[in-house]
Amino acid sequence: MTQQDSDSATDTESVGACDSEKAVAVRIVDNLRQIDATIFDRYANPDPARFNPFVTHAFLEALEASGCVSAETGWLPHHLVLEDADGAVAGIMPAYLKSHSQGEFVFDYGWADAYERAGGDYYPKLQVSVPFTPVPGPRILVRQDEGAEKYERLLAAAAVEVAKRHGLSSFHITFVDEAAWRRLGAFGLLQRTDQQFHFCNPGYASFEEFLDTLASRKRKALRKERAKALGEGIEIEHVSGSDITEAHWDEFYRFYVDTGSRKWGHPYLNREFFSELGQRMADTCLLVLAKRDGRYIAGALNFIGGDCLYGRYWGAIENHPCLHFEICYYQAIEYAITHGLPRVEAGAQGEHKLARGYVPETTYSLHWFADRRLWDAVERFLKVERHHVERTKSALRDFAPFKKGQEEPKGD
C-alpha cells in the first residue's frame, strides 16, 4: 500500500453493504474524534462493574492527540464504524494499519520473516488492539441488543474486506476477551493463546491475610524483599486523581524514559501523552512513587478499573534491591486488597511474578491471512502452540507459592 492509499482512509471511505437481510454499511474513519465518545464508551464498557480504562474513547484518543499513534509511528488509525439501516452506529472496531509489529505484545515476527523470505510483504497489516497495552478486553464494540453477535461478525467480515481491498497480508485482533475469541474462532478466524500472570483477590481482609496463604518459605522471602526494598530511607507515596500534577508527570516521565530506553531502545509514549491522561482520565490513574532524601527516584503508573488494578509503566533513576517488586507488585496487591478489587494485572510475561502471588492466566488473539500457504502454516503452528501454552500453564501452577492444600485463587 502506498502512502497515498493510506492517506485516503478517511471518514468518506466505505466498505459497503454487509448484510442482505437488513442493509447495513461500514465506514472507516482516521481519527477517533469522528466517533461519538458517549456511544463509543457505552458500547465498550456496558457494565460499570467491569470497566476497562484502556477501551475508552479518552485513552485511545489521547494516544492519537499526543501523536503516539500516527502514520509516523507506524500506527495509522483506520477505525471501522458499523451503521444500521437508520444510520445509527451499531458497532465500532478501533483498528490501525501497522507498518511494523512493535507495541503489540503478541509476537508475529516469525510469521513476518517467513512471509517476506517467501517474497511477500507482511507489512502493512490491519491490527485491532489497544496500542502499547497488553491488557485483555473487548475489541469489537457493539450495541447490546438482539443483533450484538451479528454486528460483531459483520465488523470482522468488514475487516477482512478492508485487508483484501488494500492488499494487506493479514488482519489481527489481539488480547481479545475469551468469549469473543470463541465466537470469532467459530466464525473462521485462527485462534492463538498465550499467558500472563495476574493476582487474584478472593476477598482478603489485609495483605497479611494474603501472606498467610503462602508456604512458610515463600512468605518469609516475600517479607524479606519488602523490607529490603524499603531500606535506605525509601518512602512510598500514592498519588491519584486531581492530586496528580504536571510536576508528578514530569518526574514519572523521567523514570519511564530511562527504563524504556534500555528496555525497548526508545519509549513508545511521549511526554504529551501523560498530560493528556491527566486532563482526560486522572480519576483512573494511580501513581506509586518512591522517594529518597526528599526526591522521587522511581515510580509505576497503574490504572484503576471496575474490577481490576492494571499495572502499566515503571521506571527508576536509582537501582535499589527489590524496589521494582515493591512498587509494581506488592503495592498493587495491597491497593487491590484495600479497595476490594478482585484482580491485579501486571502486564505481559514475567514468570518471576509467580513467586510473588501472581498466577498464570490465558490470553487470546485472532488472526486472518490473505495467503493460503501462510494461513495453513500458521494454523498448524497454532494448534501445537495452544497445547504447549495449556501444558505450561498447568505446570507453572504447581510452582505457585501457596500452601499445600490451600485452594489457589482463580481469576474470573
Protein backbone atom coordinates (compact mmCIF):
# COMPACT_ATOMS: atom_id res chain seq x y z
CA MET A 1 0.00 0.00 0.00
CA THR A 2 1.35 3.42 -0.89
CA GLN A 3 1.31 6.41 1.43
CA GLN A 4 -1.32 7.97 -0.84
CA ASP A 5 -3.51 4.89 -0.35
CA SER A 6 -3.07 5.16 3.43
CA ASP A 7 -3.94 8.84 3.47
CA SER A 8 -7.22 8.10 1.66
CA ALA A 9 -8.53 6.21 4.69
CA THR A 10 -10.89 8.96 5.83
CA ASP A 11 -14.45 9.09 7.02
CA THR A 12 -15.60 9.15 3.38
CA GLU A 13 -14.32 5.64 2.73
CA SER A 14 -16.99 2.97 2.94
CA VAL A 15 -16.58 -0.78 2.97
CA GLY A 16 -20.13 -1.10 1.67
CA ALA A 17 -23.24 -3.09 2.45
CA CYS A 18 -22.60 -6.05 4.70
CA ASP A 19 -25.94 -7.70 5.42
CA SER A 20 -28.52 -8.73 2.84
CA GLU A 21 -31.29 -9.14 5.43
CA LYS A 22 -31.14 -5.56 6.63
CA ALA A 23 -28.95 -3.03 4.87
CA VAL A 24 -26.00 -2.06 6.99
CA ALA A 25 -22.72 -0.50 6.00
CA VAL A 26 -19.27 0.06 7.43
CA ARG A 27 -17.40 3.31 7.04
CA ILE A 28 -13.79 3.98 8.02
CA VAL A 29 -12.57 6.98 9.97
CA ASP A 30 -9.00 8.07 10.52
CA ASN A 31 -9.48 9.80 13.87
CA LEU A 32 -11.45 8.88 16.97
CA ARG A 33 -12.71 12.47 17.19
CA GLN A 34 -15.05 11.48 14.36
CA ILE A 35 -16.74 8.90 16.60
CA ASP A 36 -19.17 9.99 19.30
CA ALA A 37 -17.43 9.42 22.65
CA THR A 38 -20.68 8.65 24.50
CA ILE A 39 -21.64 5.90 22.06
CA PHE A 40 -18.09 4.52 22.00
CA ASP A 41 -17.87 4.27 25.78
CA ARG A 42 -21.37 2.80 26.16
CA TYR A 43 -20.53 0.00 23.71
CA ALA A 44 -17.03 -0.56 25.10
CA ASN A 45 -17.99 -0.68 28.78
CA PRO A 46 -21.66 -1.58 29.15
CA ASP A 47 -21.08 -2.91 32.69
CA PRO A 48 -19.50 -0.30 35.03
CA ALA A 49 -18.52 -3.08 37.44
CA ARG A 50 -16.11 -4.40 34.78
CA PHE A 51 -14.95 -1.02 33.49
CA ASN A 52 -11.76 -1.29 31.41
CA PRO A 53 -9.99 2.12 31.23
CA PHE A 54 -7.99 1.20 28.13
CA VAL A 55 -11.04 0.53 26.00
CA THR A 56 -12.33 4.07 26.34
CA HIS A 57 -12.57 6.91 23.91
CA ALA A 58 -10.44 9.07 26.23
CA PHE A 59 -7.48 6.67 26.40
CA LEU A 60 -7.37 5.83 22.71
CA GLU A 61 -7.94 9.42 21.63
CA ALA A 62 -5.15 10.57 23.99
CA LEU A 63 -2.78 8.33 22.05
CA GLU A 64 -3.85 9.99 18.81
CA ALA A 65 -3.91 13.56 20.15
CA SER A 66 -0.38 13.21 21.55
CA GLY A 67 0.99 11.76 18.31
CA CYS A 68 1.99 8.44 19.89
CA VAL A 69 -0.38 6.79 17.42
CA SER A 70 0.05 8.13 13.90
CA ALA A 71 1.35 7.26 10.45
CA GLU A 72 4.79 8.44 11.58
CA THR A 73 4.89 5.95 14.46
CA GLY A 74 3.56 3.09 12.32
CA TRP A 75 0.07 3.09 13.86
CA LEU A 76 -2.20 4.70 11.26
CA PRO A 77 -5.78 4.89 12.66
CA HIS A 78 -8.22 3.00 10.45
CA HIS A 79 -11.31 2.60 12.65
CA LEU A 80 -14.35 0.71 11.36
CA VAL A 81 -17.83 2.00 12.20
CA LEU A 82 -20.88 -0.18 11.52
CA GLU A 83 -24.14 1.66 10.82
CA ASP A 84 -27.62 0.16 10.65
CA ALA A 85 -30.30 0.94 8.09
CA ASP A 86 -31.31 4.05 10.03
CA GLY A 87 -27.75 5.38 10.05
CA ALA A 88 -27.29 4.73 13.76
CA VAL A 89 -23.96 3.33 14.96
CA ALA A 90 -24.33 -0.38 15.74
CA GLY A 91 -20.66 -1.23 16.29
CA ILE A 92 -17.12 0.11 16.34
CA MET A 93 -13.80 -1.65 15.73
CA PRO A 94 -10.78 0.51 16.71
CA ALA A 95 -8.11 -0.59 14.22
CA TYR A 96 -4.77 0.51 12.81
CA LEU A 97 -2.74 -0.02 9.68
CA LYS A 98 0.62 -1.19 11.04
CA SER A 99 3.98 -0.91 9.30
CA HIS A 100 5.76 -3.00 11.97
CA SER A 101 4.91 -5.34 14.87
CA GLN A 102 6.14 -3.20 17.77
CA GLY A 103 3.98 -2.35 20.76
CA GLU A 104 1.57 -5.30 20.33
CA PHE A 105 2.97 -7.95 22.74
CA VAL A 106 1.56 -10.81 20.66
CA PHE A 107 4.65 -11.62 18.70
CA ASP A 108 4.36 -12.40 14.99
CA TYR A 109 7.94 -11.59 13.93
CA GLY A 110 8.48 -15.21 12.88
CA TRP A 111 5.43 -15.09 10.63
CA ALA A 112 6.61 -11.82 9.11
CA ASP A 113 10.08 -13.20 8.48
CA ALA A 114 8.77 -16.37 6.84
CA TYR A 115 6.36 -14.43 4.63
CA GLU A 116 8.98 -11.95 3.49
CA ARG A 117 11.58 -14.68 2.84
CA ALA A 118 8.98 -16.25 0.57
CA GLY A 119 8.80 -12.99 -1.38
CA GLY A 120 5.76 -11.34 0.17
CA ASP A 121 5.25 -8.04 2.00
CA TYR A 122 3.95 -8.72 5.52
CA TYR A 123 3.54 -5.02 6.28
CA PRO A 124 1.27 -3.14 6.34
CA LYS A 125 -1.22 -5.28 8.23
CA LEU A 126 -4.54 -4.44 9.90
CA GLN A 127 -4.27 -4.51 13.70
CA VAL A 128 -7.19 -4.43 16.14
CA SER A 129 -5.70 -3.73 19.56
CA VAL A 130 -5.04 -1.15 22.24
CA PRO A 131 -1.66 0.27 21.19
CA PHE A 132 1.25 -0.47 23.52
CA THR A 133 -1.11 -2.13 26.01
CA PRO A 134 -1.22 -5.91 26.60
CA VAL A 135 -4.47 -5.75 28.57
CA PRO A 136 -7.26 -8.19 27.65
CA GLY A 137 -10.66 -6.73 26.95
CA PRO A 138 -13.34 -6.11 24.31
CA ARG A 139 -12.01 -5.30 20.85
CA ILE A 140 -15.18 -5.21 18.73
CA LEU A 141 -17.58 -2.82 20.44
CA VAL A 142 -21.23 -3.36 19.59
CA ARG A 143 -24.67 -2.23 20.62
CA GLN A 144 -26.05 -4.63 23.22
CA ASP A 145 -29.31 -5.71 21.65
CA GLU A 146 -30.56 -8.86 19.92
CA GLY A 147 -28.22 -8.20 16.99
CA ALA A 148 -25.00 -7.91 19.03
CA GLU A 149 -23.32 -11.09 17.78
CA LYS A 150 -24.34 -10.34 14.21
CA TYR A 151 -22.76 -6.86 14.43
CA GLU A 152 -19.57 -8.48 15.71
CA ARG A 153 -19.42 -10.90 12.78
CA LEU A 154 -20.18 -8.11 10.29
CA LEU A 155 -17.32 -6.00 11.60
CA ALA A 156 -14.95 -8.97 11.47
CA ALA A 157 -16.03 -9.65 7.89
CA ALA A 158 -15.60 -5.98 7.04
CA ALA A 159 -12.05 -6.05 8.42
CA VAL A 160 -11.26 -8.95 6.11
CA GLU A 161 -12.71 -6.96 3.22
CA VAL A 162 -10.55 -3.97 4.15
CA ALA A 163 -7.47 -6.20 4.20
CA LYS A 164 -8.33 -7.59 0.78
CA ARG A 165 -9.15 -4.19 -0.70
CA HIS A 166 -5.82 -2.70 0.38
CA GLY A 167 -3.78 -5.80 -0.44
CA LEU A 168 -2.81 -6.33 3.20
CA SER A 169 -1.13 -9.54 4.26
CA SER A 170 -3.20 -10.06 7.38
CA PHE A 171 -5.70 -8.92 9.99
CA HIS A 172 -5.17 -9.45 13.74
CA ILE A 173 -7.25 -8.99 16.91
CA THR A 174 -5.02 -9.17 19.98
CA PHE A 175 -5.81 -9.53 23.70
CA VAL A 176 -9.47 -10.12 22.93
CA ASP A 177 -11.79 -11.44 25.63
CA GLU A 178 -12.30 -15.20 25.68
CA ALA A 179 -16.00 -15.18 24.74
CA ALA A 180 -15.37 -13.16 21.56
CA TRP A 181 -12.33 -15.35 20.82
CA ARG A 182 -14.56 -18.43 20.83
CA ARG A 183 -17.31 -16.82 18.77
CA LEU A 184 -14.96 -15.47 16.10
CA GLY A 185 -12.94 -18.66 16.08
CA ALA A 186 -16.15 -20.45 15.13
CA PHE A 187 -16.67 -17.74 12.52
CA GLY A 188 -13.39 -18.80 10.90
CA LEU A 189 -10.53 -16.73 12.31
CA LEU A 190 -7.41 -18.52 13.52
CA GLN A 191 -7.09 -18.75 17.30
CA ARG A 192 -3.95 -18.15 19.32
CA THR A 193 -3.33 -18.30 23.08
CA ASP A 194 -0.60 -17.09 25.42
CA GLN A 195 -0.39 -16.36 29.12
CA GLN A 196 0.08 -13.58 31.63
CA PHE A 197 0.36 -13.55 35.41
CA HIS A 198 -2.47 -12.00 37.42
CA PHE A 199 -3.04 -11.62 41.14
CA CYS A 200 -6.46 -12.89 42.17
CA ASN A 201 -8.06 -11.47 45.30
CA PRO A 202 -10.81 -13.71 46.67
CA GLY A 203 -11.60 -11.12 49.33
CA TYR A 204 -8.53 -10.87 51.55
CA ALA A 205 -9.05 -8.57 54.53
CA SER A 206 -5.42 -7.47 54.50
CA PHE A 207 -2.02 -8.07 52.93
CA GLU A 208 -1.16 -10.17 55.97
CA GLU A 209 -4.11 -12.45 55.29
CA PHE A 210 -2.79 -12.96 51.76
CA LEU A 211 0.66 -13.76 53.19
CA ASP A 212 -0.90 -16.36 55.48
CA THR A 213 -1.98 -18.36 52.42
CA LEU A 214 1.64 -18.76 51.27
CA ALA A 215 4.02 -21.54 52.15
CA SER A 216 6.30 -20.55 55.03
CA ARG A 217 9.46 -20.25 52.94
CA LYS A 218 7.72 -18.14 50.29
CA ARG A 219 6.12 -15.94 52.95
CA LYS A 220 9.50 -15.24 54.59
CA ALA A 221 11.12 -14.49 51.22
CA LEU A 222 8.38 -12.04 50.32
CA ARG A 223 8.63 -10.20 53.66
CA LYS A 224 12.40 -10.04 53.25
CA GLU A 225 12.03 -8.50 49.79
CA ARG A 226 9.66 -5.82 51.08
CA ALA A 227 11.99 -4.94 53.94
CA LYS A 228 14.96 -4.75 51.59
CA ALA A 229 13.08 -2.55 49.10
CA LEU A 230 12.14 -0.03 51.76
CA GLY A 231 15.61 0.17 53.27
CA GLU A 232 17.96 3.11 52.81
CA GLY A 233 15.25 5.57 53.84
CA ILE A 234 12.94 4.94 50.88
CA GLU A 235 9.32 6.05 51.31
CA ILE A 236 6.32 5.12 49.15
CA GLU A 237 3.73 7.66 48.08
CA HIS A 238 0.42 7.13 46.26
CA VAL A 239 -0.92 9.96 44.12
CA SER A 240 -4.18 9.73 42.19
CA GLY A 241 -6.96 11.75 40.62
CA SER A 242 -6.79 15.52 40.80
CA ASP A 243 -3.78 15.29 43.14
CA ILE A 244 -1.59 14.31 40.16
CA THR A 245 0.11 17.48 38.93
CA GLU A 246 2.21 18.20 35.88
CA ALA A 247 5.23 18.07 38.20
CA HIS A 248 4.31 14.47 39.08
CA TRP A 249 4.04 13.61 35.38
CA ASP A 250 7.43 15.24 34.79
CA GLU A 251 9.01 13.03 37.44
CA PHE A 252 7.30 9.89 36.25
CA TYR A 253 8.18 10.53 32.61
CA ARG A 254 11.82 10.86 33.60
CA PHE A 255 11.67 7.35 35.11
CA TYR A 256 9.71 5.97 32.17
CA VAL A 257 12.16 7.30 29.56
CA ASP A 258 15.20 6.00 31.43
CA THR A 259 13.82 2.47 31.74
CA GLY A 260 12.03 2.43 28.38
CA SER A 261 15.18 3.45 26.54
CA ARG A 262 17.01 0.47 28.00
CA LYS A 263 14.12 -1.97 27.54
CA TRP A 264 12.86 -1.15 24.05
CA GLY A 265 15.56 1.10 22.60
CA HIS A 266 13.13 4.03 22.59
CA PRO A 267 9.99 4.65 24.66
CA TYR A 268 6.65 4.25 22.92
CA LEU A 269 4.94 7.15 24.70
CA ASN A 270 5.83 10.85 24.70
CA ARG A 271 5.50 13.40 27.48
CA GLU A 272 2.38 14.95 25.95
CA PHE A 273 0.52 11.67 26.31
CA PHE A 274 0.77 11.75 30.10
CA SER A 275 -0.57 15.30 30.20
CA GLU A 276 -3.47 14.13 28.04
CA LEU A 277 -4.10 11.36 30.56
CA GLY A 278 -4.13 13.83 33.41
CA GLN A 279 -6.64 16.03 31.61
CA ARG A 280 -8.93 13.28 30.34
CA MET A 281 -8.92 10.45 32.88
CA ALA A 282 -6.95 11.32 36.02
CA ASP A 283 -9.54 9.55 38.18
CA THR A 284 -8.43 6.22 36.74
CA CYS A 285 -4.70 6.88 37.32
CA LEU A 286 -2.68 5.80 40.34
CA LEU A 287 0.98 6.78 40.61
CA VAL A 288 3.04 4.75 43.09
CA LEU A 289 6.19 6.77 43.69
CA ALA A 290 9.34 6.03 45.67
CA LYS A 291 11.10 8.92 47.39
CA ARG A 292 14.55 9.05 48.99
CA ASP A 293 16.15 12.05 50.69
CA GLY A 294 13.25 14.24 49.62
CA ARG A 295 13.29 13.44 45.89
CA TYR A 296 11.48 10.95 43.71
CA ILE A 297 13.66 8.12 42.42
CA ALA A 298 11.20 5.59 40.93
CA GLY A 299 7.56 5.07 40.15
CA ALA A 300 4.86 2.99 38.50
CA LEU A 301 1.68 4.08 36.76
CA ASN A 302 -1.42 1.97 37.41
CA PHE A 303 -4.94 2.30 36.04
CA ILE A 304 -7.98 1.66 38.22
CA GLY A 305 -10.69 -0.41 36.55
CA GLY A 306 -14.06 -1.56 37.77
CA ASP A 307 -12.78 -4.95 38.93
CA CYS A 308 -9.03 -4.72 38.40
CA LEU A 309 -5.92 -2.66 39.07
CA TYR A 310 -3.82 -2.57 35.91
CA GLY A 311 -0.09 -2.11 36.36
CA ARG A 312 1.34 -0.49 33.25
CA TYR A 313 4.55 1.55 33.19
CA TRP A 314 7.52 1.60 35.53
CA GLY A 315 10.83 3.40 35.74
CA ALA A 316 13.67 4.28 38.11
CA ILE A 317 16.72 6.50 38.12
CA GLU A 318 18.39 4.71 41.05
CA ASN A 319 18.97 0.99 41.50
CA HIS A 320 17.80 -0.46 44.81
CA PRO A 321 17.32 -4.18 45.55
CA CYS A 322 13.73 -5.37 45.18
CA LEU A 323 12.34 -1.86 44.64
CA HIS A 324 10.76 -2.93 41.34
CA PHE A 325 8.94 -5.81 43.09
CA GLU A 326 7.70 -3.49 45.83
CA ILE A 327 6.41 -0.71 43.60
CA CYS A 328 4.99 -2.82 40.78
CA TYR A 329 3.72 -5.96 42.55
CA TYR A 330 3.36 -5.67 46.32
CA GLN A 331 1.98 -2.13 46.36
CA ALA A 332 -0.50 -3.16 43.66
CA ILE A 333 -1.60 -6.21 45.67
CA GLU A 334 -2.02 -4.12 48.80
CA TYR A 335 -4.02 -1.48 46.94
CA ALA A 336 -6.32 -4.09 45.38
CA ILE A 337 -6.97 -5.73 48.75
CA THR A 338 -7.62 -2.40 50.49
CA HIS A 339 -10.02 -1.25 47.77
CA GLY A 340 -11.75 -4.60 47.19
CA LEU A 341 -10.56 -5.11 43.63
CA PRO A 342 -10.71 -8.80 42.62
CA ARG A 343 -7.67 -8.75 40.33
CA VAL A 344 -4.31 -7.16 39.53
CA GLU A 345 -2.93 -7.41 36.01
CA ALA A 346 0.75 -6.51 35.94
CA GLY A 347 1.50 -6.60 32.22
CA ALA A 348 2.87 -9.14 29.79
CA GLN A 349 5.16 -12.09 30.52
CA GLY A 350 7.24 -12.44 33.69
CA GLU A 351 7.40 -15.88 35.29
CA HIS A 352 9.16 -14.19 38.22
CA LYS A 353 5.70 -12.90 39.20
CA LEU A 354 4.66 -16.43 40.12
CA ALA A 355 6.69 -16.47 43.34
CA ARG A 356 5.04 -13.20 44.32
CA GLY A 357 1.45 -14.44 44.26
CA TYR A 358 0.59 -13.89 40.60
CA VAL A 359 -0.82 -16.94 38.83
CA PRO A 360 -0.88 -17.80 35.09
CA GLU A 361 -3.98 -16.83 33.12
CA THR A 362 -4.64 -17.46 29.43
CA THR A 363 -4.76 -14.60 26.93
CA TYR A 364 -6.34 -14.77 23.48
CA SER A 365 -5.85 -13.43 19.96
CA LEU A 366 -7.34 -13.96 16.48
CA HIS A 367 -5.69 -13.89 13.06
CA TRP A 368 -6.55 -13.91 9.34
CA PHE A 369 -4.10 -14.22 6.42
CA ALA A 370 -4.64 -13.48 2.75
CA ASP A 371 -2.07 -16.01 1.56
CA ARG A 372 -3.34 -19.57 1.88
CA ARG A 373 0.14 -21.01 2.32
CA LEU A 374 0.83 -18.76 5.29
CA TRP A 375 -2.65 -19.49 6.66
CA ASP A 376 -2.06 -23.25 6.56
CA ALA A 377 1.40 -22.98 8.13
CA VAL A 378 0.20 -20.72 10.95
CA GLU A 379 -2.86 -22.89 11.57
CA ARG A 380 -0.62 -25.94 12.10
CA PHE A 381 1.70 -23.95 14.35
CA LEU A 382 -1.14 -22.55 16.47
CA LYS A 383 -2.60 -25.98 17.14
CA VAL A 384 0.72 -27.10 18.65
CA GLU A 385 1.28 -23.78 20.42
CA ARG A 386 -2.14 -23.82 22.14
CA HIS A 387 -1.38 -27.26 23.54
CA HIS A 388 2.03 -26.06 24.75
CA VAL A 389 0.54 -22.96 26.40
CA GLU A 390 -2.01 -25.04 28.28
CA ARG A 391 0.61 -27.53 29.46
CA THR A 392 2.92 -24.75 30.58
CA LYS A 393 0.12 -23.02 32.45
CA SER A 394 -0.73 -26.24 34.26
CA ALA A 395 2.92 -26.92 35.12
CA LEU A 396 3.52 -23.40 36.39
CA ARG A 397 0.55 -23.60 38.74
CA ASP A 398 2.38 -26.41 40.51
CA PHE A 399 5.06 -23.86 41.44
CA ALA A 400 2.63 -21.30 42.86
CA PRO A 401 3.72 -20.13 46.33
CA PHE A 402 0.57 -21.17 48.15
CA LYS A 403 0.49 -23.71 50.98
CA LYS A 404 -0.11 -27.31 50.06
CA GLY A 405 -3.82 -27.97 50.31
CA GLN A 406 -4.53 -24.25 50.03
CA GLU A 407 -7.03 -23.56 47.27
CA GLU A 408 -5.32 -21.33 44.73
CA PRO A 409 -7.18 -18.09 43.96
CA LYS A 410 -8.74 -18.20 40.49
CA GLY A 411 -9.42 -15.45 38.01
CA ASP A 412 -12.98 -14.64 36.95
